[in-house]
Amino acid sequence: MKKPDASDIPQPDEASLRLALAEVRDLQRTVAALRSELELAHQERQRQVQDAVSAAQSDILQLRDTIGALRTSLEKSEQQRIDALQSASAAHHAEISHLHDTVRALRTVLESKA
């Protein structure tokens, strides 16, 4: 059996070389176009992530402000409740003191008539 040598390998003709080179150039252009699209898609995804993070941070700040306002309102309501209780208690004690004074005065009147 004879070993194949370089002369046995069919040599491509000029037309098939041009066709192969054209195909390589097309493939290179396709790769470049796909790489560009991939980079654009990556940039768009990064922009969307940044937008989402920015929106989330904005929501967080708004919620913190809302929590602060609600906390202040709750503290104010609690203080008003405490003030109302103290006022009612003071009025109650004043009324009791007045009633004691009335009872003493009535007792004095009754004892002086007796």
PDB file of N, CA and C in Angstrom:
ATOM      1  N   MET A   1       0.829  -1.165   0.000  1.00  0.00           N
ATOM      2  CA  MET A   1       0.000   0.000   0.000  1.00  0.00           C
ATOM      3  C   MET A   1       0.881   1.238   0.000  1.00  0.00           C
ATOM      4  N   LYS A   2       0.471   2.170  -0.813  1.00  0.00           N
ATOM      5  CA  LYS A   2       1.252   3.371  -1.010  1.00  0.00           C
ATOM      6  C   LYS A   2       0.799   4.448  -0.049  1.00  0.00           C
ATOM      7  N   LYS A   3       1.778   5.174   0.563  1.00  0.00           N
ATOM      8  CA  LYS A   3       1.460   6.286   1.465  1.00  0.00           C
ATOM      9  C   LYS A   3       1.059   7.490   0.640  1.00  0.00           C
ATOM     10  N   PRO A   4      -0.005   8.203   1.083  1.00  0.00           N
ATOM     11  CA  PRO A   4      -0.362   9.410   0.328  1.00  0.00           C
ATOM     12  C   PRO A   4       0.660  10.509   0.595  1.00  0.00           C
ATOM     13  N   ASP A   5       1.035  11.176  -0.406  1.00  0.00           N
ATOM     14  CA  ASP A   5       1.932  12.323  -0.224  1.00  0.00           C
ATOM     15  C   ASP A   5       1.212  13.597  -0.631  1.00  0.00           C
ATOM     16  N   ALA A   6       1.897  14.706  -0.530  1.00  0.00           N
ATOM     17  CA  ALA A   6       1.286  16.012  -0.782  1.00  0.00           C
ATOM     18  C   ALA A   6       0.736  16.120  -2.184  1.00  0.00           C
ATOM     19  N   SER A   7       1.295  15.370  -3.095  1.00  0.00           N
ATOM     20  CA  SER A   7       0.821  15.466  -4.472  1.00  0.00           C
ATOM     21  C   SER A   7      -0.500  14.735  -4.656  1.00  0.00           C
ATOM     22  N   ASP A   8      -0.825  13.823  -3.734  1.00  0.00           N
ATOM     23  CA  ASP A   8      -2.068  13.077  -3.827  1.00  0.00           C
ATOM     24  C   ASP A   8      -3.261  13.861  -3.271  1.00  0.00           C
ATOM     25  N   ILE A   9      -2.993  14.849  -2.401  1.00  0.00           N
ATOM     26  CA  ILE A   9      -4.080  15.635  -1.805  1.00  0.00           C
ATOM     27  C   ILE A   9      -4.583  16.608  -2.849  1.00  0.00           C
ATOM     28  N   PRO A  10      -5.907  16.591  -3.094  1.00  0.00           N
ATOM     29  CA  PRO A  10      -6.425  17.491  -4.124  1.00  0.00           C
ATOM     30  C   PRO A  10      -6.218  18.955  -3.707  1.00  0.00           C
ATOM     31  N   GLN A  11      -5.732  19.744  -4.600  1.00  0.00           N
ATOM     32  CA  GLN A  11      -5.497  21.164  -4.349  1.00  0.00           C
ATOM     33  C   GLN A  11      -6.757  21.950  -4.712  1.00  0.00           C
ATOM     34  N   PRO A  12      -7.158  22.856  -3.781  1.00  0.00           N
ATOM     35  CA  PRO A  12      -8.349  23.633  -4.097  1.00  0.00           C
ATOM     36  C   PRO A  12      -8.066  24.616  -5.216  1.00  0.00           C
ATOM     37  N   ASP A  13      -9.075  24.845  -6.004  1.00  0.00           N
ATOM     38  CA  ASP A  13      -8.894  25.810  -7.070  1.00  0.00           C
ATOM     39  C   ASP A  13      -9.149  27.221  -6.544  1.00  0.00           C
ATOM     40  N   GLU A  14      -8.861  28.183  -7.342  1.00  0.00           N
ATOM     41  CA  GLU A  14      -8.964  29.591  -6.917  1.00  0.00           C
ATOM     42  C   GLU A  14     -10.397  29.967  -6.570  1.00  0.00           C
ATOM     43  N   ALA A  15     -11.362  29.454  -7.244  1.00  0.00           N
ATOM     44  CA  ALA A  15     -12.767  29.791  -6.985  1.00  0.00           C
ATOM     45  C   ALA A  15     -13.209  29.264  -5.625  1.00  0.00           C
ATOM     46  N   SER A  16     -12.807  28.041  -5.294  1.00  0.00           N
ATOM     47  CA  SER A  16     -13.196  27.492  -4.003  1.00  0.00           C
ATOM     48  C   SER A  16     -12.460  28.215  -2.873  1.00  0.00           C
ATOM     49  N   LEU A  17     -11.224  28.679  -3.101  1.00  0.00           N
ATOM     50  CA  LEU A  17     -10.513  29.470  -2.093  1.00  0.00           C
ATOM     51  C   LEU A  17     -11.233  30.794  -1.845  1.00  0.00           C
ATOM     52  N   ARG A  18     -11.618  31.447  -2.937  1.00  0.00           N
ATOM     53  CA  ARG A  18     -12.364  32.714  -2.787  1.00  0.00           C
ATOM     54  C   ARG A  18     -13.659  32.479  -2.034  1.00  0.00           C
ATOM     55  N   LEU A  19     -14.327  31.419  -2.348  1.00  0.00           N
ATOM     56  CA  LEU A  19     -15.589  31.097  -1.676  1.00  0.00           C
ATOM     57  C   LEU A  19     -15.348  30.842  -0.184  1.00  0.00           C
ATOM     58  N   ALA A  20     -14.306  30.107   0.145  1.00  0.00           N
ATOM     59  CA  ALA A  20     -13.985  29.820   1.548  1.00  0.00           C
ATOM     60  C   ALA A  20     -13.615  31.110   2.272  1.00  0.00           C
ATOM     61  N   LEU A  21     -12.820  31.956   1.639  1.00  0.00           N
ATOM     62  CA  LEU A  21     -12.443  33.232   2.262  1.00  0.00           C
ATOM     63  C   LEU A  21     -13.673  34.129   2.465  1.00  0.00           C
ATOM     64  N   ALA A  22     -14.565  34.118   1.506  1.00  0.00           N
ATOM     65  CA  ALA A  22     -15.794  34.913   1.643  1.00  0.00           C
ATOM     66  C   ALA A  22     -16.628  34.382   2.803  1.00  0.00           C
ATOM     67  N   GLU A  23     -16.671  33.060   2.910  1.00  0.00           N
ATOM     68  CA  GLU A  23     -17.428  32.457   4.015  1.00  0.00           C
ATOM     69  C   GLU A  23     -16.789  32.809   5.357  1.00  0.00           C
ATOM     70  N   VAL A  24     -15.473  32.785   5.428  1.00  0.00           N
ATOM     71  CA  VAL A  24     -14.770  33.156   6.660  1.00  0.00           C
ATOM     72  C   VAL A  24     -15.077  34.609   7.015  1.00  0.00           C
ATOM     73  N   ARG A  25     -15.019  35.504   6.018  1.00  0.00           N
ATOM     74  CA  ARG A  25     -15.332  36.925   6.280  1.00  0.00           C
ATOM     75  C   ARG A  25     -16.771  37.085   6.758  1.00  0.00           C
ATOM     76  N   ASP A  26     -17.690  36.344   6.137  1.00  0.00           N
ATOM     77  CA  ASP A  26     -19.095  36.409   6.582  1.00  0.00           C
ATOM     78  C   ASP A  26     -19.222  35.936   8.024  1.00  0.00           C
ATOM     79  N   LEU A  27     -18.553  34.854   8.337  1.00  0.00           N
ATOM     80  CA  LEU A  27     -18.605  34.334   9.706  1.00  0.00           C
ATOM     81  C   LEU A  27     -17.988  35.327  10.691  1.00  0.00           C
ATOM     82  N   GLN A  28     -16.877  35.965  10.292  1.00  0.00           N
ATOM     83  CA  GLN A  28     -16.256  36.968  11.156  1.00  0.00           C
ATOM     84  C   GLN A  28     -17.202  38.147  11.389  1.00  0.00           C
ATOM     85  N   ARG A  29     -17.883  38.586  10.316  1.00  0.00           N
ATOM     86  CA  ARG A  29     -18.861  39.676  10.466  1.00  0.00           C
ATOM     87  C   ARG A  29     -20.017  39.257  11.359  1.00  0.00           C
ATOM     88  N   THR A  30     -20.461  38.027  11.205  1.00  0.00           N
ATOM     89  CA  THR A  30     -21.544  37.509  12.044  1.00  0.00           C
ATOM     90  C   THR A  30     -21.119  37.472  13.508  1.00  0.00           C
ATOM     91  N   VAL A  31     -19.906  37.010  13.759  1.00  0.00           N
ATOM     92  CA  VAL A  31     -19.385  36.967  15.125  1.00  0.00           C
ATOM     93  C   VAL A  31     -19.316  38.383  15.692  1.00  0.00           C
ATOM     94  N   ALA A  32     -18.817  39.324  14.916  1.00  0.00           N
ATOM     95  CA  ALA A  32     -18.711  40.715  15.381  1.00  0.00           C
ATOM     96  C   ALA A  32     -20.096  41.291  15.669  1.00  0.00           C
ATOM     97  N   ALA A  33     -21.049  41.003  14.777  1.00  0.00           N
ATOM     98  CA  ALA A  33     -22.408  41.520  14.979  1.00  0.00           C
ATOM     99  C   ALA A  33     -23.034  40.895  16.224  1.00  0.00           C
ATOM    100  N   LEU A  34     -22.853  39.584  16.407  1.00  0.00           N
ATOM    101  CA  LEU A  34     -23.399  38.919  17.597  1.00  0.00           C
ATOM    102  C   LEU A  34     -22.736  39.427  18.870  1.00  0.00           C
ATOM    103  N   ARG A  35     -21.422  39.658  18.816  1.00  0.00           N
ATOM    104  CA  ARG A  35     -20.707  40.192  19.974  1.00  0.00           C
ATOM    105  C   ARG A  35     -21.255  41.583  20.323  1.00  0.00           C
ATOM    106  N   SER A  36     -21.482  42.383  19.306  1.00  0.00           N
ATOM    107  CA  SER A  36     -22.025  43.725  19.520  1.00  0.00           C
ATOM    108  C   SER A  36     -23.424  43.651  20.133  1.00  0.00           C
ATOM    109  N   GLU A  37     -24.254  42.766  19.610  1.00  0.00           N
ATOM    110  CA  GLU A  37     -25.604  42.602  20.166  1.00  0.00           C
ATOM    111  C   GLU A  37     -25.553  42.112  21.608  1.00  0.00           C
ATOM    112  N   LEU A  38     -24.641  41.200  21.872  1.00  0.00           N
ATOM    113  CA  LEU A  38     -24.482  40.682  23.225  1.00  0.00           C
ATOM    114  C   LEU A  38     -24.050  41.788  24.185  1.00  0.00           C
ATOM    115  N   GLU A  39     -23.119  42.623  23.760  1.00  0.00           N
ATOM    116  CA  GLU A  39     -22.676  43.743  24.589  1.00  0.00           C
ATOM    117  C   GLU A  39     -23.815  44.734  24.830  1.00  0.00           C
ATOM    118  N   LEU A  40     -24.596  45.002  23.784  1.00  0.00           N
ATOM    119  CA  LEU A  40     -25.745  45.903  23.940  1.00  0.00           C
ATOM    120  C   LEU A  40     -26.767  45.310  24.905  1.00  0.00           C
ATOM    121  N   ALA A  41     -27.010  44.009  24.781  1.00  0.00           N
ATOM    122  CA  ALA A  41     -27.950  43.346  25.685  1.00  0.00           C
ATOM    123  C   ALA A  41     -27.438  43.408  27.124  1.00  0.00           C
ATOM    124  N   HIS A  42     -26.135  43.215  27.284  1.00  0.00           N
ATOM    125  CA  HIS A  42     -25.537  43.290  28.630  1.00  0.00           C
ATOM    126  C   HIS A  42     -25.670  44.712  29.190  1.00  0.00           C
ATOM    127  N   GLN A  43     -25.407  45.718  28.377  1.00  0.00           N
ATOM    128  CA  GLN A  43     -25.552  47.105  28.816  1.00  0.00           C
ATOM    129  C   GLN A  43     -26.999  47.419  29.187  1.00  0.00           C
ATOM    130  N   GLU A  44     -27.925  46.925  28.392  1.00  0.00           N
ATOM    131  CA  GLU A  44     -29.349  47.156  28.675  1.00  0.00           C
ATOM    132  C   GLU A  44     -29.737  46.482  29.981  1.00  0.00           C
ATOM    133  N   ARG A  45     -29.254  45.273  30.207  1.00  0.00           N
ATOM    134  CA  ARG A  45     -29.538  44.565  31.451  1.00  0.00           C
ATOM    135  C   ARG A  45     -28.946  45.323  32.639  1.00  0.00           C
ATOM    136  N   GLN A  46     -27.735  45.829  32.485  1.00  0.00           N
ATOM    137  CA  GLN A  46     -27.111  46.628  33.547  1.00  0.00           C
ATOM    138  C   GLN A  46     -27.930  47.881  33.837  1.00  0.00           C
ATOM    139  N   ARG A  47     -28.420  48.540  32.771  1.00  0.00           N
ATOM    140  CA  ARG A  47     -29.244  49.733  32.945  1.00  0.00           C
ATOM    141  C   ARG A  47     -30.533  49.385  33.683  1.00  0.00           C
ATOM    142  N   GLN A  48     -31.145  48.257  33.325  1.00  0.00           N
ATOM    143  CA  GLN A  48     -32.371  47.836  33.993  1.00  0.00           C
ATOM    144  C   GLN A  48     -32.118  47.526  35.469  1.00  0.00           C
ATOM    145  N   VAL A  49     -30.999  46.903  35.757  1.00  0.00           N
ATOM    146  CA  VAL A  49     -30.654  46.603  37.150  1.00  0.00           C
ATOM    147  C   VAL A  49     -30.450  47.906  37.917  1.00  0.00           C
ATOM    148  N   GLN A  50     -29.722  48.846  37.317  1.00  0.00           N
ATOM    149  CA  GLN A  50     -29.499  50.134  37.971  1.00  0.00           C
ATOM    150  C   GLN A  50     -30.817  50.866  38.195  1.00  0.00           C
ATOM    151  N   ASP A  51     -31.704  50.818  37.206  1.00  0.00           N
ATOM    152  CA  ASP A  51     -33.021  51.451  37.364  1.00  0.00           C
ATOM    153  C   ASP A  51     -33.804  50.799  38.500  1.00  0.00           C
ATOM    154  N   ALA A  52     -33.751  49.474  38.567  1.00  0.00           N
ATOM    155  CA  ALA A  52     -34.468  48.749  39.621  1.00  0.00           C
ATOM    156  C   ALA A  52     -33.889  49.090  40.997  1.00  0.00           C
ATOM    157  N   VAL A  53     -32.567  49.157  41.091  1.00  0.00           N
ATOM    158  CA  VAL A  53     -31.926  49.509  42.364  1.00  0.00           C
ATOM    159  C   VAL A  53     -32.294  50.926  42.756  1.00  0.00           C
ATOM    160  N   SER A  54     -32.268  51.824  41.798  1.00  0.00           N
ATOM    161  CA  SER A  54     -32.621  53.223  42.060  1.00  0.00           C
ATOM    162  C   SER A  54     -34.070  53.334  42.527  1.00  0.00           C
ATOM    163  N   ALA A  55     -34.962  52.620  41.867  1.00  0.00           N
ATOM    164  CA  ALA A  55     -36.381  52.640  42.260  1.00  0.00           C
ATOM    165  C   ALA A  55     -36.556  52.053  43.652  1.00  0.00           C
ATOM    166  N   ALA A  56     -35.833  50.983  43.944  1.00  0.00           N
ATOM    167  CA  ALA A  56     -35.925  50.359  45.272  1.00  0.00           C
ATOM    168  C   ALA A  56     -35.416  51.313  46.344  1.00  0.00           C
ATOM    169  N   GLN A  57     -34.315  52.001  46.055  1.00  0.00           N
ATOM    170  CA  GLN A  57     -33.783  52.965  47.026  1.00  0.00           C
ATOM    171  C   GLN A  57     -34.762  54.109  47.239  1.00  0.00           C
ATOM    172  N   SER A  58     -35.393  54.548  46.172  1.00  0.00           N
ATOM    173  CA  SER A  58     -36.396  55.603  46.289  1.00  0.00           C
ATOM    174  C   SER A  58     -37.570  55.131  47.146  1.00  0.00           C
ATOM    175  N   ASP A  59     -38.011  53.898  46.918  1.00  0.00           N
ATOM    176  CA  ASP A  59     -39.099  53.330  47.725  1.00  0.00           C
ATOM    177  C   ASP A  59     -38.696  53.232  49.191  1.00  0.00           C
ATOM    178  N   ILE A  60     -37.462  52.817  49.433  1.00  0.00           N
ATOM    179  CA  ILE A  60     -36.975  52.691  50.810  1.00  0.00           C
ATOM    180  C   ILE A  60     -36.991  54.050  51.500  1.00  0.00           C
ATOM    181  N   LEU A  61     -36.493  55.074  50.821  1.00  0.00           N
ATOM    182  CA  LEU A  61     -36.488  56.416  51.413  1.00  0.00           C
ATOM    183  C   LEU A  61     -37.910  56.898  51.697  1.00  0.00           C
ATOM    184  N   GLN A  62     -38.810  56.645  50.758  1.00  0.00           N
ATOM    185  CA  GLN A  62     -40.199  57.056  50.949  1.00  0.00           C
ATOM    186  C   GLN A  62     -40.824  56.309  52.130  1.00  0.00           C
ATOM    187  N   LEU A  63     -40.547  55.019  52.231  1.00  0.00           N
ATOM    188  CA  LEU A  63     -41.086  54.240  53.350  1.00  0.00           C
ATOM    189  C   LEU A  63     -40.502  54.704  54.680  1.00  0.00           C
ATOM    190  N   ARG A  64     -39.211  55.040  54.693  1.00  0.00           N
ATOM    191  CA  ARG A  64     -38.602  55.550  55.921  1.00  0.00           C
ATOM    192  C   ARG A  64     -39.251  56.864  56.340  1.00  0.00           C
ATOM    193  N   ASP A  65     -39.501  57.738  55.356  1.00  0.00           N
ATOM    194  CA  ASP A  65     -40.176  59.005  55.661  1.00  0.00           C
ATOM    195  C   ASP A  65     -41.575  58.752  56.209  1.00  0.00           C
ATOM    196  N   THR A  66     -42.280  57.802  55.594  1.00  0.00           N
ATOM    197  CA  THR A  66     -43.627  57.464  56.047  1.00  0.00           C
ATOM    198  C   THR A  66     -43.591  56.910  57.464  1.00  0.00           C
ATOM    199  N   ILE A  67     -42.632  56.040  57.732  1.00  0.00           N
ATOM    200  CA  ILE A  67     -42.495  55.463  59.071  1.00  0.00           C
ATOM    201  C   ILE A  67     -42.210  56.564  60.084  1.00  0.00           C
ATOM    202  N   GLY A  68     -41.331  57.487  59.731  1.00  0.00           N
ATOM    203  CA  GLY A  68     -41.013  58.599  60.625  1.00  0.00           C
ATOM    204  C   GLY A  68     -42.235  59.449  60.915  1.00  0.00           C
ATOM    205  N   ALA A  69     -43.007  59.759  59.873  1.00  0.00           N
ATOM    206  CA  ALA A  69     -44.207  60.569  60.054  1.00  0.00           C
ATOM    207  C   ALA A  69     -45.230  59.827  60.913  1.00  0.00           C
ATOM    208  N   LEU A  70     -45.399  58.522  60.661  1.00  0.00           N
ATOM    209  CA  LEU A  70     -46.347  57.741  61.456  1.00  0.00           C
ATOM    210  C   LEU A  70     -45.892  57.635  62.910  1.00  0.00           C
ATOM    211  N   ARG A  71     -44.590  57.478  63.111  1.00  0.00           N
ATOM    212  CA  ARG A  71     -44.056  57.396  64.480  1.00  0.00           C
ATOM    213  C   ARG A  71     -44.311  58.716  65.217  1.00  0.00           C
ATOM    214  N   THR A  72     -44.053  59.831  64.536  1.00  0.00           N
ATOM    215  CA  THR A  72     -44.292  61.148  65.138  1.00  0.00           C
ATOM    216  C   THR A  72     -45.764  61.320  65.471  1.00  0.00           C
ATOM    217  N   SER A  73     -46.630  60.918  64.543  1.00  0.00           N
ATOM    218  CA  SER A  73     -48.075  61.017  64.765  1.00  0.00           C
ATOM    219  C   SER A  73     -48.503  60.148  65.938  1.00  0.00           C
ATOM    220  N   LEU A  74     -47.965  58.951  66.017  1.00  0.00           N
ATOM    221  CA  LEU A  74     -48.302  58.046  67.112  1.00  0.00           C
ATOM    222  C   LEU A  74     -47.831  58.614  68.452  1.00  0.00           C
ATOM    223  N   GLU A  75     -46.616  59.148  68.473  1.00  0.00           N
ATOM    224  CA  GLU A  75     -46.103  59.752  69.707  1.00  0.00           C
ATOM    225  C   GLU A  75     -46.958  60.947  70.122  1.00  0.00           C
ATOM    226  N   LYS A  76     -47.375  61.746  69.146  1.00  0.00           N
ATOM    227  CA  LYS A  76     -48.223  62.905  69.440  1.00  0.00           C
ATOM    228  C   LYS A  76     -49.569  62.440  69.998  1.00  0.00           C
ATOM    229  N   SER A  77     -50.142  61.415  69.381  1.00  0.00           N
ATOM    230  CA  SER A  77     -51.425  60.879  69.863  1.00  0.00           C
ATOM    231  C   SER A  77     -51.280  60.321  71.274  1.00  0.00           C
ATOM    232  N   GLU A  78     -50.183  59.646  71.527  1.00  0.00           N
ATOM    233  CA  GLU A  78     -49.943  59.087  72.862  1.00  0.00           C
ATOM    234  C   GLU A  78     -49.812  60.213  73.888  1.00  0.00           C
ATOM    235  N   GLN A  79     -49.091  61.271  73.522  1.00  0.00           N
ATOM    236  CA  GLN A  79     -48.947  62.398  74.440  1.00  0.00           C
ATOM    237  C   GLN A  79     -50.294  63.072  74.687  1.00  0.00           C
ATOM    238  N   GLN A  80     -51.107  63.202  73.647  1.00  0.00           N
ATOM    239  CA  GLN A  80     -52.446  63.790  73.812  1.00  0.00           C
ATOM    240  C   GLN A  80     -53.294  62.914  74.727  1.00  0.00           C
ATOM    241  N   ARG A  81     -53.180  61.602  74.589  1.00  0.00           N
ATOM    242  CA  ARG A  81     -53.932  60.690  75.452  1.00  0.00           C
ATOM    243  C   ARG A  81     -53.479  60.838  76.902  1.00  0.00           C
ATOM    244  N   ILE A  82     -52.174  60.907  77.106  1.00  0.00           N
ATOM    245  CA  ILE A  82     -51.647  61.082  78.459  1.00  0.00           C
ATOM    246  C   ILE A  82     -52.118  62.412  79.041  1.00  0.00           C
ATOM    247  N   ASP A  83     -52.058  63.476  78.242  1.00  0.00           N
ATOM    248  CA  ASP A  83     -52.516  64.794  78.706  1.00  0.00           C
ATOM    249  C   ASP A  83     -54.001  64.759  79.056  1.00  0.00           C
ATOM    250  N   ALA A  84     -54.815  64.083  78.232  1.00  0.00           N
ATOM    251  CA  ALA A  84     -56.249  63.988  78.492  1.00  0.00           C
ATOM    252  C   ALA A  84     -56.504  63.203  79.780  1.00  0.00           C
ATOM    253  N   LEU A  85     -55.753  62.121  79.990  1.00  0.00           N
ATOM    254  CA  LEU A  85     -55.904  61.349  81.223  1.00  0.00           C
ATOM    255  C   LEU A  85     -55.521  62.184  82.449  1.00  0.00           C
ATOM    256  N   GLN A  86     -54.422  62.916  82.343  1.00  0.00           N
ATOM    257  CA  GLN A  86     -54.000  63.755  83.457  1.00  0.00           C
ATOM    258  C   GLN A  86     -55.022  64.849  83.731  1.00  0.00           C
ATOM    259  N   SER A  87     -55.561  65.432  82.680  1.00  0.00           N
ATOM    260  CA  SER A  87     -56.577  66.478  82.828  1.00  0.00           C
ATOM    261  C   SER A  87     -57.838  65.909  83.471  1.00  0.00           C
ATOM    262  N   ALA A  88     -58.267  64.724  83.026  1.00  0.00           N
ATOM    263  CA  ALA A  88     -59.455  64.093  83.597  1.00  0.00           C
ATOM    264  C   ALA A  88     -59.212  63.729  85.056  1.00  0.00           C
ATOM    265  N   SER A  89     -58.005  63.243  85.347  1.00  0.00           N
ATOM    266  CA  SER A  89     -57.673  62.887  86.723  1.00  0.00           C
ATOM    267  C   SER A  89     -57.661  64.130  87.611  1.00  0.00           C
ATOM    268  N   ALA A  90     -57.092  65.219  87.126  1.00  0.00           N
ATOM    269  CA  ALA A  90     -57.070  66.468  87.908  1.00  0.00           C
ATOM    270  C   ALA A  90     -58.489  66.981  88.136  1.00  0.00           C
ATOM    271  N   ALA A  91     -59.333  66.908  87.099  1.00  0.00           N
ATOM    272  CA  ALA A  91     -60.729  67.354  87.249  1.00  0.00           C
ATOM    273  C   ALA A  91     -61.455  66.466  88.245  1.00  0.00           C
ATOM    274  N   HIS A  92     -61.182  65.163  88.179  1.00  0.00           N
ATOM    275  CA  HIS A  92     -61.798  64.214  89.100  1.00  0.00           C
ATOM    276  C   HIS A  92     -61.387  64.531  90.540  1.00  0.00           C
ATOM    277  N   HIS A  93     -60.111  64.772  90.762  1.00  0.00           N
ATOM    278  CA  HIS A  93     -59.628  65.104  92.117  1.00  0.00           C
ATOM    279  C   HIS A  93     -60.206  66.435  92.596  1.00  0.00           C
ATOM    280  N   ALA A  94     -60.314  67.383  91.702  1.00  0.00           N
ATOM    281  CA  ALA A  94     -60.895  68.683  92.070  1.00  0.00           C
ATOM    282  C   ALA A  94     -62.358  68.515  92.452  1.00  0.00           C
ATOM    283  N   GLU A  95     -63.082  67.684  91.701  1.00  0.00           N
ATOM    284  CA  GLU A  95     -64.492  67.450  92.011  1.00  0.00           C
ATOM    285  C   GLU A  95     -64.634  66.745  93.362  1.00  0.00           C
ATOM    286  N   ILE A  96     -63.779  65.761  93.607  1.00  0.00           N
ATOM    287  CA  ILE A  96     -63.816  65.054  94.896  1.00  0.00           C
ATOM    288  C   ILE A  96     -63.514  66.027  96.037  1.00  0.00           C
ATOM    289  N   SER A  97     -62.507  66.886  95.839  1.00  0.00           N
ATOM    290  CA  SER A  97     -62.158  67.883  96.870  1.00  0.00           C
ATOM    291  C   SER A  97     -63.326  68.829  97.117  1.00  0.00           C
ATOM    292  N   HIS A  98     -63.983  69.251  96.047  1.00  0.00           N
ATOM    293  CA  HIS A  98     -65.142  70.146  96.171  1.00  0.00           C
ATOM    294  C   HIS A  98     -66.275  69.439  96.928  1.00  0.00           C
ATOM    295  N   LEU A  99     -66.487  68.163  96.596  1.00  0.00           N
ATOM    296  CA  LEU A  99     -67.538  67.408  97.287  1.00  0.00           C
ATOM    297  C   LEU A  99     -67.195  67.232  98.769  1.00  0.00           C
ATOM    298  N   HIS A 100     -65.940  67.010  99.100  1.00  0.00           N
ATOM    299  CA  HIS A 100     -65.530  66.915 100.508  1.00  0.00           C
ATOM    300  C   HIS A 100     -65.806  68.244 101.238  1.00  0.00           C
ATOM    301  N   ASP A 101     -65.465  69.334 100.570  1.00  0.00           N
ATOM    302  CA  ASP A 101     -65.715  70.648 101.167  1.00  0.00           C
ATOM    303  C   ASP A 101     -67.218  70.859 101.391  1.00  0.00           C
ATOM    304  N   THR A 102     -68.021  70.425 100.440  1.00  0.00           N
ATOM    305  CA  THR A 102     -69.478  70.565 100.560  1.00  0.00           C
ATOM    306  C   THR A 102     -69.987  69.720 101.719  1.00  0.00           C
ATOM    307  N   VAL A 103     -69.489  68.488 101.819  1.00  0.00           N
ATOM    308  CA  VAL A 103     -69.903  67.597 102.908  1.00  0.00           C
ATOM    309  C   VAL A 103     -69.523  68.218 104.250  1.00  0.00           C
ATOM    310  N   ARG A 104     -68.327  68.760 104.374  1.00  0.00           N
ATOM    311  CA  ARG A 104     -67.905  69.404 105.627  1.00  0.00           C
ATOM    312  C   ARG A 104     -68.801  70.595 105.976  1.00  0.00           C
ATOM    313  N   ALA A 105     -69.074  71.381 104.933  1.00  0.00           N
ATOM    314  CA  ALA A 105     -69.922  72.561 105.172  1.00  0.00           C
ATOM    315  C   ALA A 105     -71.318  72.135 105.613  1.00  0.00           C
ATOM    316  N   LEU A 106     -71.864  71.123 104.973  1.00  0.00           N
ATOM    317  CA  LEU A 106     -73.191  70.639 105.351  1.00  0.00           C
ATOM    318  C   LEU A 106     -73.170  70.040 106.762  1.00  0.00           C
ATOM    319  N   ARG A 107     -72.102  69.309 107.081  1.00  0.00           N
ATOM    320  CA  ARG A 107     -71.963  68.729 108.410  1.00  0.00           C
ATOM    321  C   ARG A 107     -71.909  69.841 109.476  1.00  0.00           C
ATOM    322  N   THR A 108     -71.154  70.903 109.171  1.00  0.00           N
ATOM    323  CA  THR A 108     -71.035  72.037 110.102  1.00  0.00           C
ATOM    324  C   THR A 108     -72.399  72.682 110.303  1.00  0.00           C
ATOM    325  N   VAL A 109     -73.135  72.841 109.222  1.00  0.00           N
ATOM    326  CA  VAL A 109     -74.479  73.443 109.327  1.00  0.00           C
ATOM    327  C   VAL A 109     -75.387  72.531 110.164  1.00  0.00           C
ATOM    328  N   LEU A 110     -75.344  71.240 109.909  1.00  0.00           N
ATOM    329  CA  LEU A 110     -76.201  70.305 110.645  1.00  0.00           C
ATOM    330  C   LEU A 110     -75.807  70.253 112.138  1.00  0.00           C
ATOM    331  N   GLU A 111     -74.521  70.284 112.397  1.00  0.00           N
ATOM    332  CA  GLU A 111     -74.070  70.232 113.787  1.00  0.00           C
ATOM    333  C   GLU A 111     -74.433  71.521 114.534  1.00  0.00           C
ATOM    334  N   SER A 112     -74.405  72.644 113.839  1.00  0.00           N
ATOM    335  CA  SER A 112     -74.770  73.889 114.502  1.00  0.00           C
ATOM    336  C   SER A 112     -76.268  73.964 114.784  1.00  0.00           C
ATOM    337  N   LYS A 113     -77.092  73.265 114.006  1.00  0.00           N
ATOM    338  CA  LYS A 113     -78.526  73.243 114.238  1.00  0.00           C
ATOM    339  C   LYS A 113     -78.883  72.199 115.300  1.00  0.00           C
ATOM    340  N   ALA A 114     -78.016  71.294 115.562  1.00  0.00           N
ATOM    341  CA  ALA A 114     -78.336  70.240 116.498  1.00  0.00           C
ATOM    342  C   ALA A 114     -78.166  70.621 117.934  1.00  0.00           C
TER     343      ALA A 114
END
